[in-house]
Amino acid sequence: MSHVIAHILNNDCPHCLEGKVFNEKSIFFTIGFPKMNKFCSRCQFKFEKEPGYFFGAMYVNYGLTVAQSIATYVIAQFFFTETFDLRIIPIIGVVIIAMSSFNIRLSRLLWIYMFKNYSS
C-alpha cells in the first residue's frame, strides 16, 4: 500500500509506474489548472477513459477540501481564545485557495488509481 501512495505522490502512470500523468514533474505547489497528458509517454495508457471521466474526482476533491478545512480549524483554534472565532474563517479560505491546485491533481490521481484495471 505504501508503494501505491508513493507512486500517486510521484505523479506516476498507474499502469507502467514510469510515465507521468501530468505535464509537471511534481504535483506539489504548482500554480494553475493541471495539464494532463492524454496518454502515458511510456506505455500509451489512456488516462481519460471517456468524456466526463473525472466528474467523480470532484467528489474526491470535495472530501480533501473538507478534511483540510477541518484540520485547519483544529490547528487554528489553538491560537484564539474563543471556541469559534470568526477570524478563523479567512484562514480556512486562504488554505483552501492555496491547496486547490494540489487538490485537483491529487483527486484526479486518486480517481485514476481507484478505477485502474488491476487484472492486467
N, C-alpha and C. Protein backbone atom coordinates (compact mmCIF):
# COMPACT_ATOMS: atom_id res chain seq x y z
N MET A 1 0.82 -1.20 0.00
CA MET A 1 0.00 0.00 0.00
C MET A 1 0.86 1.26 0.00
N SER A 2 1.96 1.25 0.74
CA SER A 2 2.80 2.45 0.81
C SER A 2 3.46 2.75 -0.53
N HIS A 3 3.76 1.72 -1.33
CA HIS A 3 4.34 1.98 -2.64
C HIS A 3 3.32 2.62 -3.58
N VAL A 4 2.03 2.30 -3.41
CA VAL A 4 0.99 2.91 -4.24
C VAL A 4 0.89 4.40 -3.90
N ILE A 5 0.93 4.74 -2.63
CA ILE A 5 0.88 6.14 -2.21
C ILE A 5 2.09 6.88 -2.75
N ALA A 6 3.24 6.26 -2.73
CA ALA A 6 4.44 6.90 -3.27
C ALA A 6 4.30 7.15 -4.77
N HIS A 7 3.71 6.20 -5.50
CA HIS A 7 3.52 6.38 -6.94
C HIS A 7 2.49 7.49 -7.22
N ILE A 8 1.45 7.57 -6.40
CA ILE A 8 0.47 8.64 -6.57
C ILE A 8 1.12 9.99 -6.35
N LEU A 9 1.90 10.12 -5.29
CA LEU A 9 2.55 11.39 -4.98
C LEU A 9 3.67 11.73 -5.96
N ASN A 10 4.21 10.73 -6.65
CA ASN A 10 5.24 10.97 -7.66
C ASN A 10 4.64 11.22 -9.04
N ASN A 11 3.29 11.21 -9.14
CA ASN A 11 2.63 11.52 -10.41
C ASN A 11 2.91 10.42 -11.45
N ASP A 12 3.03 9.18 -11.02
CA ASP A 12 3.38 8.08 -11.92
C ASP A 12 2.14 7.49 -12.59
N CYS A 13 2.36 6.95 -13.76
CA CYS A 13 1.31 6.26 -14.50
C CYS A 13 0.87 5.03 -13.69
N PRO A 14 -0.44 4.78 -13.56
CA PRO A 14 -0.88 3.62 -12.78
C PRO A 14 -0.62 2.28 -13.47
N HIS A 15 -0.36 2.30 -14.75
CA HIS A 15 -0.17 1.05 -15.50
C HIS A 15 1.30 0.61 -15.50
N CYS A 16 2.20 1.50 -15.91
CA CYS A 16 3.61 1.11 -16.01
C CYS A 16 4.46 1.66 -14.88
N LEU A 17 3.93 2.61 -14.11
CA LEU A 17 4.62 3.24 -12.98
C LEU A 17 5.88 3.99 -13.37
N GLU A 18 6.02 4.34 -14.66
CA GLU A 18 7.20 5.07 -15.12
C GLU A 18 6.85 6.41 -15.75
N GLY A 19 5.79 6.44 -16.56
CA GLY A 19 5.38 7.69 -17.20
C GLY A 19 4.71 8.61 -16.20
N LYS A 20 4.39 9.81 -16.64
CA LYS A 20 3.77 10.81 -15.77
C LYS A 20 2.35 11.11 -16.25
N VAL A 21 1.45 11.31 -15.30
CA VAL A 21 0.06 11.63 -15.61
C VAL A 21 -0.07 13.09 -15.99
N PHE A 22 0.57 13.97 -15.25
CA PHE A 22 0.53 15.41 -15.52
C PHE A 22 1.82 15.86 -16.17
N ASN A 23 1.75 16.97 -16.90
CA ASN A 23 2.94 17.50 -17.58
C ASN A 23 4.01 17.94 -16.59
N GLU A 24 3.58 18.42 -15.42
CA GLU A 24 4.55 18.86 -14.42
C GLU A 24 5.20 17.64 -13.78
N LYS A 25 6.45 17.79 -13.39
CA LYS A 25 7.16 16.67 -12.76
C LYS A 25 6.59 16.35 -11.38
N SER A 26 6.19 17.39 -10.64
CA SER A 26 5.69 17.21 -9.28
C SER A 26 4.27 17.74 -9.20
N ILE A 27 3.44 17.16 -8.33
CA ILE A 27 2.09 17.65 -8.14
C ILE A 27 2.03 18.67 -7.01
N PHE A 28 3.13 18.91 -6.33
CA PHE A 28 3.14 19.82 -5.20
C PHE A 28 3.43 21.25 -5.64
N PHE A 29 2.68 22.20 -5.11
CA PHE A 29 2.94 23.63 -5.22
C PHE A 29 3.18 24.12 -6.64
N THR A 30 2.28 23.81 -7.52
CA THR A 30 2.30 24.38 -8.86
C THR A 30 1.07 25.26 -9.01
N ILE A 31 1.17 26.27 -9.83
CA ILE A 31 0.10 27.24 -9.97
C ILE A 31 -0.63 26.99 -11.28
N GLY A 32 -1.93 27.13 -11.25
CA GLY A 32 -2.73 26.99 -12.46
C GLY A 32 -3.45 25.66 -12.52
N PHE A 33 -4.35 25.56 -13.50
CA PHE A 33 -5.11 24.33 -13.68
C PHE A 33 -4.18 23.25 -14.23
N PRO A 34 -4.34 22.03 -13.77
CA PRO A 34 -3.43 20.97 -14.21
C PRO A 34 -3.54 20.66 -15.68
N LYS A 35 -2.41 20.36 -16.28
CA LYS A 35 -2.36 19.97 -17.68
C LYS A 35 -2.00 18.48 -17.73
N MET A 36 -3.02 17.68 -18.00
CA MET A 36 -2.82 16.24 -18.03
C MET A 36 -2.36 15.79 -19.39
N ASN A 37 -1.55 14.74 -19.39
CA ASN A 37 -1.23 14.05 -20.63
C ASN A 37 -2.43 13.18 -21.00
N LYS A 38 -2.70 13.05 -22.28
CA LYS A 38 -3.81 12.18 -22.70
C LYS A 38 -3.42 10.71 -22.58
N PHE A 39 -2.14 10.43 -22.88
CA PHE A 39 -1.64 9.06 -22.83
C PHE A 39 -0.31 9.06 -22.07
N CYS A 40 0.04 7.91 -21.51
CA CYS A 40 1.35 7.76 -20.87
C CYS A 40 2.43 7.77 -21.95
N SER A 41 3.52 8.45 -21.70
CA SER A 41 4.60 8.53 -22.68
C SER A 41 5.35 7.21 -22.81
N ARG A 42 5.23 6.34 -21.84
CA ARG A 42 5.95 5.05 -21.87
C ARG A 42 5.10 3.91 -22.44
N CYS A 43 3.89 3.73 -21.86
CA CYS A 43 3.10 2.55 -22.23
C CYS A 43 1.83 2.88 -23.01
N GLN A 44 1.58 4.16 -23.31
CA GLN A 44 0.41 4.62 -24.06
C GLN A 44 -0.91 4.30 -23.35
N PHE A 45 -0.89 4.21 -22.02
CA PHE A 45 -2.10 4.01 -21.22
C PHE A 45 -2.94 5.28 -21.31
N LYS A 46 -4.23 5.14 -21.65
CA LYS A 46 -5.12 6.30 -21.79
C LYS A 46 -5.66 6.66 -20.41
N PHE A 47 -5.43 7.91 -19.98
CA PHE A 47 -5.82 8.34 -18.64
C PHE A 47 -7.31 8.66 -18.54
N GLU A 48 -7.86 9.37 -19.53
CA GLU A 48 -9.28 9.71 -19.50
C GLU A 48 -10.02 8.68 -20.34
N LYS A 49 -10.71 7.77 -19.69
CA LYS A 49 -11.35 6.64 -20.36
C LYS A 49 -12.50 7.05 -21.26
N GLU A 50 -13.25 8.08 -20.84
CA GLU A 50 -14.42 8.53 -21.58
C GLU A 50 -14.67 9.99 -21.23
N PRO A 51 -15.47 10.69 -22.04
CA PRO A 51 -15.79 12.08 -21.68
C PRO A 51 -16.50 12.13 -20.33
N GLY A 52 -16.09 13.04 -19.50
CA GLY A 52 -16.68 13.16 -18.17
C GLY A 52 -16.12 12.18 -17.14
N TYR A 53 -15.04 11.51 -17.48
CA TYR A 53 -14.46 10.50 -16.59
C TYR A 53 -14.08 11.09 -15.23
N PHE A 54 -13.64 12.33 -15.21
CA PHE A 54 -13.15 12.92 -13.96
C PHE A 54 -14.22 13.68 -13.18
N PHE A 55 -15.50 13.55 -13.54
CA PHE A 55 -16.54 14.17 -12.73
C PHE A 55 -16.55 13.57 -11.33
N GLY A 56 -16.29 12.30 -11.21
CA GLY A 56 -16.25 11.65 -9.90
C GLY A 56 -15.10 12.14 -9.05
N ALA A 57 -14.04 12.61 -9.71
CA ALA A 57 -12.89 13.14 -8.97
C ALA A 57 -13.25 14.42 -8.23
N MET A 58 -14.33 15.09 -8.67
CA MET A 58 -14.77 16.28 -7.95
C MET A 58 -15.23 15.93 -6.54
N TYR A 59 -15.83 14.76 -6.36
CA TYR A 59 -16.25 14.33 -5.03
C TYR A 59 -15.04 14.04 -4.14
N VAL A 60 -14.01 13.46 -4.74
CA VAL A 60 -12.77 13.21 -4.01
C VAL A 60 -12.14 14.55 -3.61
N ASN A 61 -12.15 15.51 -4.55
CA ASN A 61 -11.61 16.84 -4.29
C ASN A 61 -12.40 17.51 -3.15
N TYR A 62 -13.70 17.36 -3.16
CA TYR A 62 -14.54 17.93 -2.09
C TYR A 62 -14.17 17.32 -0.74
N GLY A 63 -13.99 16.01 -0.70
CA GLY A 63 -13.60 15.35 0.54
C GLY A 63 -12.24 15.84 1.05
N LEU A 64 -11.29 16.00 0.13
CA LEU A 64 -9.98 16.53 0.52
C LEU A 64 -10.09 17.94 1.08
N THR A 65 -10.91 18.76 0.43
CA THR A 65 -11.08 20.15 0.87
C THR A 65 -11.74 20.22 2.24
N VAL A 66 -12.75 19.40 2.48
CA VAL A 66 -13.41 19.38 3.78
C VAL A 66 -12.43 18.91 4.86
N ALA A 67 -11.66 17.87 4.57
CA ALA A 67 -10.69 17.38 5.55
C ALA A 67 -9.64 18.44 5.87
N GLN A 68 -9.17 19.16 4.84
CA GLN A 68 -8.18 20.21 5.08
C GLN A 68 -8.79 21.38 5.84
N SER A 69 -10.06 21.68 5.60
CA SER A 69 -10.73 22.75 6.32
C SER A 69 -10.88 22.41 7.79
N ILE A 70 -11.27 21.18 8.07
CA ILE A 70 -11.41 20.75 9.47
C ILE A 70 -10.06 20.75 10.17
N ALA A 71 -9.03 20.26 9.48
CA ALA A 71 -7.69 20.25 10.07
C ALA A 71 -7.19 21.67 10.32
N THR A 72 -7.47 22.58 9.40
CA THR A 72 -7.07 23.98 9.58
C THR A 72 -7.79 24.59 10.77
N TYR A 73 -9.08 24.30 10.91
CA TYR A 73 -9.84 24.81 12.06
C TYR A 73 -9.27 24.28 13.37
N VAL A 74 -8.99 22.99 13.42
CA VAL A 74 -8.47 22.39 14.65
C VAL A 74 -7.12 23.02 15.02
N ILE A 75 -6.26 23.24 14.04
CA ILE A 75 -4.96 23.84 14.31
C ILE A 75 -5.10 25.32 14.69
N ALA A 76 -5.96 26.03 13.96
CA ALA A 76 -6.10 27.48 14.19
C ALA A 76 -6.79 27.81 15.50
N GLN A 77 -7.65 26.95 16.00
CA GLN A 77 -8.38 27.26 17.23
C GLN A 77 -7.46 27.39 18.44
N PHE A 78 -6.28 26.80 18.38
CA PHE A 78 -5.34 26.92 19.49
C PHE A 78 -4.75 28.32 19.60
N PHE A 79 -4.84 29.11 18.54
CA PHE A 79 -4.28 30.45 18.54
C PHE A 79 -5.30 31.53 18.92
N PHE A 80 -6.55 31.12 19.19
CA PHE A 80 -7.60 32.06 19.56
C PHE A 80 -8.20 31.66 20.89
N THR A 81 -8.73 32.65 21.63
CA THR A 81 -9.26 32.37 22.97
C THR A 81 -10.67 31.81 22.92
N GLU A 82 -11.50 32.28 21.97
CA GLU A 82 -12.86 31.78 21.86
C GLU A 82 -12.90 30.44 21.12
N THR A 83 -13.95 29.67 21.38
CA THR A 83 -14.08 28.36 20.74
C THR A 83 -14.18 28.50 19.23
N PHE A 84 -15.06 29.38 18.77
CA PHE A 84 -15.16 29.63 17.33
C PHE A 84 -15.04 31.12 17.10
N ASP A 85 -13.88 31.55 16.73
CA ASP A 85 -13.61 32.95 16.44
C ASP A 85 -13.79 33.17 14.95
N LEU A 86 -14.48 34.22 14.56
CA LEU A 86 -14.76 34.47 13.14
C LEU A 86 -13.49 34.75 12.34
N ARG A 87 -12.40 35.06 13.01
CA ARG A 87 -11.14 35.29 12.29
C ARG A 87 -10.55 34.00 11.75
N ILE A 88 -11.08 32.87 12.14
CA ILE A 88 -10.61 31.58 11.63
C ILE A 88 -11.11 31.35 10.19
N ILE A 89 -12.26 31.90 9.84
CA ILE A 89 -12.85 31.68 8.53
C ILE A 89 -11.95 32.15 7.39
N PRO A 90 -11.36 33.37 7.45
CA PRO A 90 -10.44 33.76 6.37
C PRO A 90 -9.19 32.88 6.31
N ILE A 91 -8.75 32.39 7.44
CA ILE A 91 -7.58 31.50 7.45
C ILE A 91 -7.92 30.21 6.70
N ILE A 92 -9.10 29.67 6.97
CA ILE A 92 -9.54 28.46 6.27
C ILE A 92 -9.66 28.74 4.77
N GLY A 93 -10.20 29.91 4.41
CA GLY A 93 -10.32 30.28 3.00
C GLY A 93 -8.99 30.36 2.29
N VAL A 94 -7.99 30.93 2.96
CA VAL A 94 -6.65 31.04 2.36
C VAL A 94 -6.06 29.65 2.15
N VAL A 95 -6.24 28.76 3.12
CA VAL A 95 -5.71 27.40 2.99
C VAL A 95 -6.39 26.67 1.84
N ILE A 96 -7.71 26.83 1.72
CA ILE A 96 -8.45 26.18 0.63
C ILE A 96 -7.96 26.66 -0.73
N ILE A 97 -7.79 27.97 -0.87
CA ILE A 97 -7.32 28.52 -2.15
C ILE A 97 -5.88 28.09 -2.44
N ALA A 98 -5.03 28.10 -1.41
CA ALA A 98 -3.63 27.71 -1.60
C ALA A 98 -3.49 26.23 -1.98
N MET A 99 -4.37 25.40 -1.47
CA MET A 99 -4.27 23.96 -1.72
C MET A 99 -5.11 23.49 -2.92
N SER A 100 -5.84 24.38 -3.57
CA SER A 100 -6.77 23.96 -4.62
C SER A 100 -6.07 23.28 -5.80
N SER A 101 -4.96 23.82 -6.25
CA SER A 101 -4.25 23.21 -7.38
C SER A 101 -3.73 21.82 -7.02
N PHE A 102 -3.20 21.69 -5.82
CA PHE A 102 -2.74 20.38 -5.35
C PHE A 102 -3.90 19.40 -5.23
N ASN A 103 -5.04 19.87 -4.71
CA ASN A 103 -6.20 19.00 -4.53
C ASN A 103 -6.75 18.49 -5.86
N ILE A 104 -6.76 19.34 -6.87
CA ILE A 104 -7.24 18.90 -8.19
C ILE A 104 -6.35 17.78 -8.72
N ARG A 105 -5.06 17.97 -8.64
CA ARG A 105 -4.14 16.94 -9.14
C ARG A 105 -4.25 15.65 -8.32
N LEU A 106 -4.25 15.79 -7.00
CA LEU A 106 -4.32 14.60 -6.16
C LEU A 106 -5.63 13.86 -6.35
N SER A 107 -6.74 14.58 -6.45
CA SER A 107 -8.03 13.90 -6.61
C SER A 107 -8.10 13.15 -7.95
N ARG A 108 -7.55 13.73 -9.01
CA ARG A 108 -7.54 13.03 -10.29
C ARG A 108 -6.63 11.80 -10.25
N LEU A 109 -5.49 11.93 -9.61
CA LEU A 109 -4.60 10.77 -9.47
C LEU A 109 -5.26 9.67 -8.65
N LEU A 110 -5.91 10.03 -7.56
CA LEU A 110 -6.61 9.03 -6.75
C LEU A 110 -7.72 8.37 -7.55
N TRP A 111 -8.43 9.16 -8.35
CA TRP A 111 -9.52 8.62 -9.17
C TRP A 111 -8.98 7.63 -10.20
N ILE A 112 -7.88 7.97 -10.85
CA ILE A 112 -7.27 7.07 -11.83
C ILE A 112 -6.82 5.77 -11.16
N TYR A 113 -6.20 5.89 -10.00
CA TYR A 113 -5.70 4.70 -9.32
C TYR A 113 -6.85 3.86 -8.75
N MET A 114 -7.96 4.48 -8.34
CA MET A 114 -9.08 3.71 -7.81
C MET A 114 -9.74 2.85 -8.88
N PHE A 115 -9.79 3.37 -10.11
CA PHE A 115 -10.50 2.67 -11.18
C PHE A 115 -9.56 2.10 -12.23
N LYS A 116 -8.34 1.87 -11.85
CA LYS A 116 -7.38 1.21 -12.74
C LYS A 116 -7.76 -0.25 -12.86
N ASN A 117 -7.53 -0.83 -14.01
CA ASN A 117 -7.80 -2.24 -14.21
C ASN A 117 -6.67 -3.04 -13.60
N TYR A 118 -6.90 -3.61 -12.43
CA TYR A 118 -5.85 -4.32 -11.72
C TYR A 118 -5.65 -5.74 -12.19
N SER A 119 -6.46 -6.22 -13.13
CA SER A 119 -6.32 -7.60 -13.61
C SER A 119 -5.17 -7.75 -14.58
N SER A 120 -4.76 -6.66 -15.23
CA SER A 120 -3.67 -6.77 -16.21
C SER A 120 -2.34 -6.37 -15.61
